[in-house]
Amino acid sequence: MNTTSVSNGRTPDQTALDTRQVIATLAALQLIDKLRAKHGALLFHQSGGCCDGSSPMCYPVGDFIVGDRDVRLGEIGGAEFFISPSQFEYWKHTQLIIDVVEGRGGMFSLENGEGVRFLVRSRLFTDEEFAALQAQGRA
């Protein structure tokens, strides 16, 4: 599995600000496509609980009720990605990079049984990127 390839539509020498709050590796996008083919429209939720709650969870749209205060970070592979307010406060300085690694998925997450699981990696936004997010009311 290639976990270093991130689908961001840019070449490494481009210097434009990347203020997307969530992106996905090619491996994650491929797994999302596979799960969508099996289950239909998908959504992700990142909570902050113990155990399964610390991993990004993938659900069929309609099987998970997004809270009124949950924050929509964006979309990966056509699936909306939400995060709990407390986790957003903690992670707002970072770009979440959703990846796939070998292992067992969360008990309620759709990748359970696929032999792989979603994993959050991250990078800190630059000062310039974070200022742009603040100016847009997204941080």
C-alpha atoms as a PDB file:
ATOM      1  CA  MET A   1       0.000   0.000   0.000  1.00  0.00           C
ATOM      2  CA  ASN A   2       1.413   3.382  -0.954  1.00  0.00           C
ATOM      3  CA  THR A   3       0.673   5.699   1.937  1.00  0.00           C
ATOM      4  CA  THR A   4       2.870   8.546   0.772  1.00  0.00           C
ATOM      5  CA  SER A   5       0.798   9.455  -2.263  1.00  0.00           C
ATOM      6  CA  VAL A   6      -1.748  12.123  -1.388  1.00  0.00           C
ATOM      7  CA  SER A   7      -4.416  13.109  -3.850  1.00  0.00           C
ATOM      8  CA  ASN A   8      -4.266  16.885  -3.817  1.00  0.00           C
ATOM      9  CA  GLY A   9      -4.200  17.780  -7.489  1.00  0.00           C
ATOM     10  CA  ARG A  10      -0.860  19.570  -7.225  1.00  0.00           C
ATOM     11  CA  THR A  11       2.689  18.902  -8.185  1.00  0.00           C
ATOM     12  CA  PRO A  12       5.274  19.192  -5.387  1.00  0.00           C
ATOM     13  CA  ASP A  13       6.739  22.431  -6.801  1.00  0.00           C
ATOM     14  CA  GLN A  14       3.461  24.373  -6.660  1.00  0.00           C
ATOM     15  CA  THR A  15       3.301  26.868  -3.809  1.00  0.00           C
ATOM     16  CA  ALA A  16      -0.403  27.765  -3.663  1.00  0.00           C
ATOM     17  CA  LEU A  17      -1.950  27.637  -0.207  1.00  0.00           C
ATOM     18  CA  ASP A  18      -3.647  24.340   0.565  1.00  0.00           C
ATOM     19  CA  THR A  19      -6.272  25.140   3.171  1.00  0.00           C
ATOM     20  CA  ARG A  20      -8.350  22.016   2.669  1.00  0.00           C
ATOM     21  CA  GLN A  21      -8.968  20.707   6.170  1.00  0.00           C
ATOM     22  CA  VAL A  22      -9.220  17.077   5.102  1.00  0.00           C
ATOM     23  CA  ILE A  23      -7.612  15.223   2.194  1.00  0.00           C
ATOM     24  CA  ALA A  24      -7.084  11.549   1.378  1.00  0.00           C
ATOM     25  CA  THR A  25      -4.344   9.332   0.048  1.00  0.00           C
ATOM     26  CA  LEU A  26      -4.867   7.385  -3.138  1.00  0.00           C
ATOM     27  CA  ALA A  27      -5.273   4.189  -1.075  1.00  0.00           C
ATOM     28  CA  ALA A  28      -8.052   5.837   0.963  1.00  0.00           C
ATOM     29  CA  LEU A  29      -9.807   7.082  -2.172  1.00  0.00           C
ATOM     30  CA  GLN A  30      -9.696   3.591  -3.661  1.00  0.00           C
ATOM     31  CA  LEU A  31     -11.187   2.092  -0.504  1.00  0.00           C
ATOM     32  CA  ILE A  32     -13.900   4.766  -0.448  1.00  0.00           C
ATOM     33  CA  ASP A  33     -14.808   3.844  -4.049  1.00  0.00           C
ATOM     34  CA  LYS A  34     -14.950   0.145  -3.130  1.00  0.00           C
ATOM     35  CA  LEU A  35     -17.159   0.825  -0.090  1.00  0.00           C
ATOM     36  CA  ARG A  36     -19.448   3.145  -2.076  1.00  0.00           C
ATOM     37  CA  ALA A  37     -19.951   0.398  -4.673  1.00  0.00           C
ATOM     38  CA  LYS A  38     -21.085  -1.944  -1.874  1.00  0.00           C
ATOM     39  CA  HIS A  39     -23.023   0.448   0.366  1.00  0.00           C
ATOM     40  CA  GLY A  40     -24.032   3.525  -1.634  1.00  0.00           C
ATOM     41  CA  ALA A  41     -23.413   7.132  -0.530  1.00  0.00           C
ATOM     42  CA  LEU A  42     -20.994   7.464   2.387  1.00  0.00           C
ATOM     43  CA  LEU A  43     -20.012   9.906   5.112  1.00  0.00           C
ATOM     44  CA  PHE A  44     -17.166  10.071   7.604  1.00  0.00           C
ATOM     45  CA  HIS A  45     -17.161  11.163  11.219  1.00  0.00           C
ATOM     46  CA  GLN A  46     -14.154  11.775  13.452  1.00  0.00           C
ATOM     47  CA  SER A  47     -15.026  11.852  17.123  1.00  0.00           C
ATOM     48  CA  GLY A  48     -12.630  11.857  19.998  1.00  0.00           C
ATOM     49  CA  GLY A  49     -13.743   8.919  22.042  1.00  0.00           C
ATOM     50  CA  CYS A  50     -11.704   5.951  23.064  1.00  0.00           C
ATOM     51  CA  CYS A  51     -11.298   2.793  21.039  1.00  0.00           C
ATOM     52  CA  ASP A  52     -13.115   3.079  17.694  1.00  0.00           C
ATOM     53  CA  GLY A  53     -13.910   6.740  18.324  1.00  0.00           C
ATOM     54  CA  SER A  54     -10.319   7.789  17.757  1.00  0.00           C
ATOM     55  CA  SER A  55     -10.367   6.512  14.169  1.00  0.00           C
ATOM     56  CA  PRO A  56     -12.240   8.063  11.272  1.00  0.00           C
ATOM     57  CA  MET A  57     -15.468   6.143  10.934  1.00  0.00           C
ATOM     58  CA  CYS A  58     -17.169   5.521   7.582  1.00  0.00           C
ATOM     59  CA  TYR A  59     -20.943   5.067   7.454  1.00  0.00           C
ATOM     60  CA  PRO A  60     -23.659   4.837   4.824  1.00  0.00           C
ATOM     61  CA  VAL A  61     -25.421   8.193   4.564  1.00  0.00           C
ATOM     62  CA  GLY A  62     -28.458   7.973   6.843  1.00  0.00           C
ATOM     63  CA  ASP A  63     -26.940   5.418   9.245  1.00  0.00           C
ATOM     64  CA  PHE A  64     -25.179   8.046  11.363  1.00  0.00           C
ATOM     65  CA  ILE A  65     -26.867  11.191  12.603  1.00  0.00           C
ATOM     66  CA  VAL A  66     -24.505  14.141  12.357  1.00  0.00           C
ATOM     67  CA  GLY A  67     -24.814  16.381  15.408  1.00  0.00           C
ATOM     68  CA  ASP A  68     -25.993  19.990  15.138  1.00  0.00           C
ATOM     69  CA  ARG A  69     -22.612  21.171  16.439  1.00  0.00           C
ATOM     70  CA  ASP A  70     -20.440  18.793  14.403  1.00  0.00           C
ATOM     71  CA  VAL A  71     -18.113  20.594  12.004  1.00  0.00           C
ATOM     72  CA  ARG A  72     -18.023  19.746   8.300  1.00  0.00           C
ATOM     73  CA  LEU A  73     -14.365  19.723   7.284  1.00  0.00           C
ATOM     74  CA  GLY A  74     -14.928  18.961   3.617  1.00  0.00           C
ATOM     75  CA  GLU A  75     -15.197  15.930   1.373  1.00  0.00           C
ATOM     76  CA  ILE A  76     -12.912  13.064   0.494  1.00  0.00           C
ATOM     77  CA  GLY A  77     -13.745  10.914  -2.488  1.00  0.00           C
ATOM     78  CA  GLY A  78     -17.193  12.476  -2.660  1.00  0.00           C
ATOM     79  CA  ALA A  79     -18.007  11.608   0.976  1.00  0.00           C
ATOM     80  CA  GLU A  80     -18.642  14.400   3.465  1.00  0.00           C
ATOM     81  CA  PHE A  81     -16.287  14.425   6.454  1.00  0.00           C
ATOM     82  CA  PHE A  82     -17.457  15.677   9.857  1.00  0.00           C
ATOM     83  CA  ILE A  83     -15.673  16.091  13.177  1.00  0.00           C
ATOM     84  CA  SER A  84     -16.948  16.613  16.710  1.00  0.00           C
ATOM     85  CA  PRO A  85     -16.615  20.187  18.036  1.00  0.00           C
ATOM     86  CA  SER A  86     -14.113  19.207  20.743  1.00  0.00           C
ATOM     87  CA  GLN A  87     -11.908  17.418  18.234  1.00  0.00           C
ATOM     88  CA  PHE A  88     -12.160  20.330  15.809  1.00  0.00           C
ATOM     89  CA  GLU A  89     -10.814  22.646  18.526  1.00  0.00           C
ATOM     90  CA  TYR A  90      -7.892  20.291  19.010  1.00  0.00           C
ATOM     91  CA  TRP A  91      -7.198  19.668  15.296  1.00  0.00           C
ATOM     92  CA  LYS A  92      -8.085  23.033  13.704  1.00  0.00           C
ATOM     93  CA  HIS A  93      -4.400  23.873  13.203  1.00  0.00           C
ATOM     94  CA  THR A  94      -3.875  20.759  11.087  1.00  0.00           C
ATOM     95  CA  GLN A  95      -4.815  19.290   7.757  1.00  0.00           C
ATOM     96  CA  LEU A  96      -6.166  15.777   8.303  1.00  0.00           C
ATOM     97  CA  ILE A  97      -4.834  13.242   5.835  1.00  0.00           C
ATOM     98  CA  ILE A  98      -6.998  10.136   5.687  1.00  0.00           C
ATOM     99  CA  ASP A  99      -4.961   7.066   4.866  1.00  0.00           C
ATOM    100  CA  VAL A 100      -5.423   3.288   4.878  1.00  0.00           C
ATOM    101  CA  VAL A 101      -3.285   0.761   6.725  1.00  0.00           C
ATOM    102  CA  GLU A 102      -3.528  -2.979   7.176  1.00  0.00           C
ATOM    103  CA  GLY A 103      -5.543  -4.044  10.171  1.00  0.00           C
ATOM    104  CA  ARG A 104      -9.053  -4.309  11.432  1.00  0.00           C
ATOM    105  CA  GLY A 105     -11.448  -1.416  10.958  1.00  0.00           C
ATOM    106  CA  GLY A 106     -13.661   0.057  13.651  1.00  0.00           C
ATOM    107  CA  MET A 107     -16.506  -2.138  14.813  1.00  0.00           C
ATOM    108  CA  PHE A 108     -19.164   0.080  13.209  1.00  0.00           C
ATOM    109  CA  SER A 109     -17.092   1.486  10.339  1.00  0.00           C
ATOM    110  CA  LEU A 110     -17.757   0.040   6.884  1.00  0.00           C
ATOM    111  CA  GLU A 111     -14.162  -1.017   6.220  1.00  0.00           C
ATOM    112  CA  ASN A 112     -14.435  -3.558   9.049  1.00  0.00           C
ATOM    113  CA  GLY A 113     -13.846  -6.966   7.476  1.00  0.00           C
ATOM    114  CA  GLU A 114     -11.824  -5.585   4.541  1.00  0.00           C
ATOM    115  CA  GLY A 115      -8.448  -6.308   6.193  1.00  0.00           C
ATOM    116  CA  VAL A 116      -7.616  -2.609   6.265  1.00  0.00           C
ATOM    117  CA  ARG A 117      -8.676   0.415   8.276  1.00  0.00           C
ATOM    118  CA  PHE A 118      -8.799   4.158   7.849  1.00  0.00           C
ATOM    119  CA  LEU A 119      -6.162   6.116   9.754  1.00  0.00           C
ATOM    120  CA  VAL A 120      -5.691   9.846  10.373  1.00  0.00           C
ATOM    121  CA  ARG A 121      -2.336  11.372   9.615  1.00  0.00           C
ATOM    122  CA  SER A 122      -1.875  15.109   9.797  1.00  0.00           C
ATOM    123  CA  ARG A 123       0.319  18.061   9.041  1.00  0.00           C
ATOM    124  CA  LEU A 124       0.319  21.462  10.697  1.00  0.00           C
ATOM    125  CA  PHE A 125      -0.956  24.297   8.561  1.00  0.00           C
ATOM    126  CA  THR A 126       1.624  26.972   7.884  1.00  0.00           C
ATOM    127  CA  ASP A 127       1.039  30.318   9.584  1.00  0.00           C
ATOM    128  CA  GLU A 128      -0.090  31.703   6.232  1.00  0.00           C
ATOM    129  CA  GLU A 129      -2.525  28.839   5.622  1.00  0.00           C
ATOM    130  CA  PHE A 130      -3.975  29.096   9.140  1.00  0.00           C
ATOM    131  CA  ALA A 131      -4.433  32.860   8.759  1.00  0.00           C
ATOM    132  CA  ALA A 132      -6.337  32.210   5.518  1.00  0.00           C
ATOM    133  CA  LEU A 133      -8.582  29.685   7.302  1.00  0.00           C
ATOM    134  CA  GLN A 134      -9.251  32.209  10.068  1.00  0.00           C
ATOM    135  CA  ALA A 135     -10.093  34.909   7.531  1.00  0.00           C
ATOM    136  CA  GLN A 136     -12.613  32.504   5.950  1.00  0.00           C
ATOM    137  CA  GLY A 137     -14.157  31.725   9.352  1.00  0.00           C
ATOM    138  CA  ARG A 138     -12.992  28.100   9.139  1.00  0.00           C
ATOM    139  CA  ALA A 139     -10.674  28.011  12.161  1.00  0.00           C
END
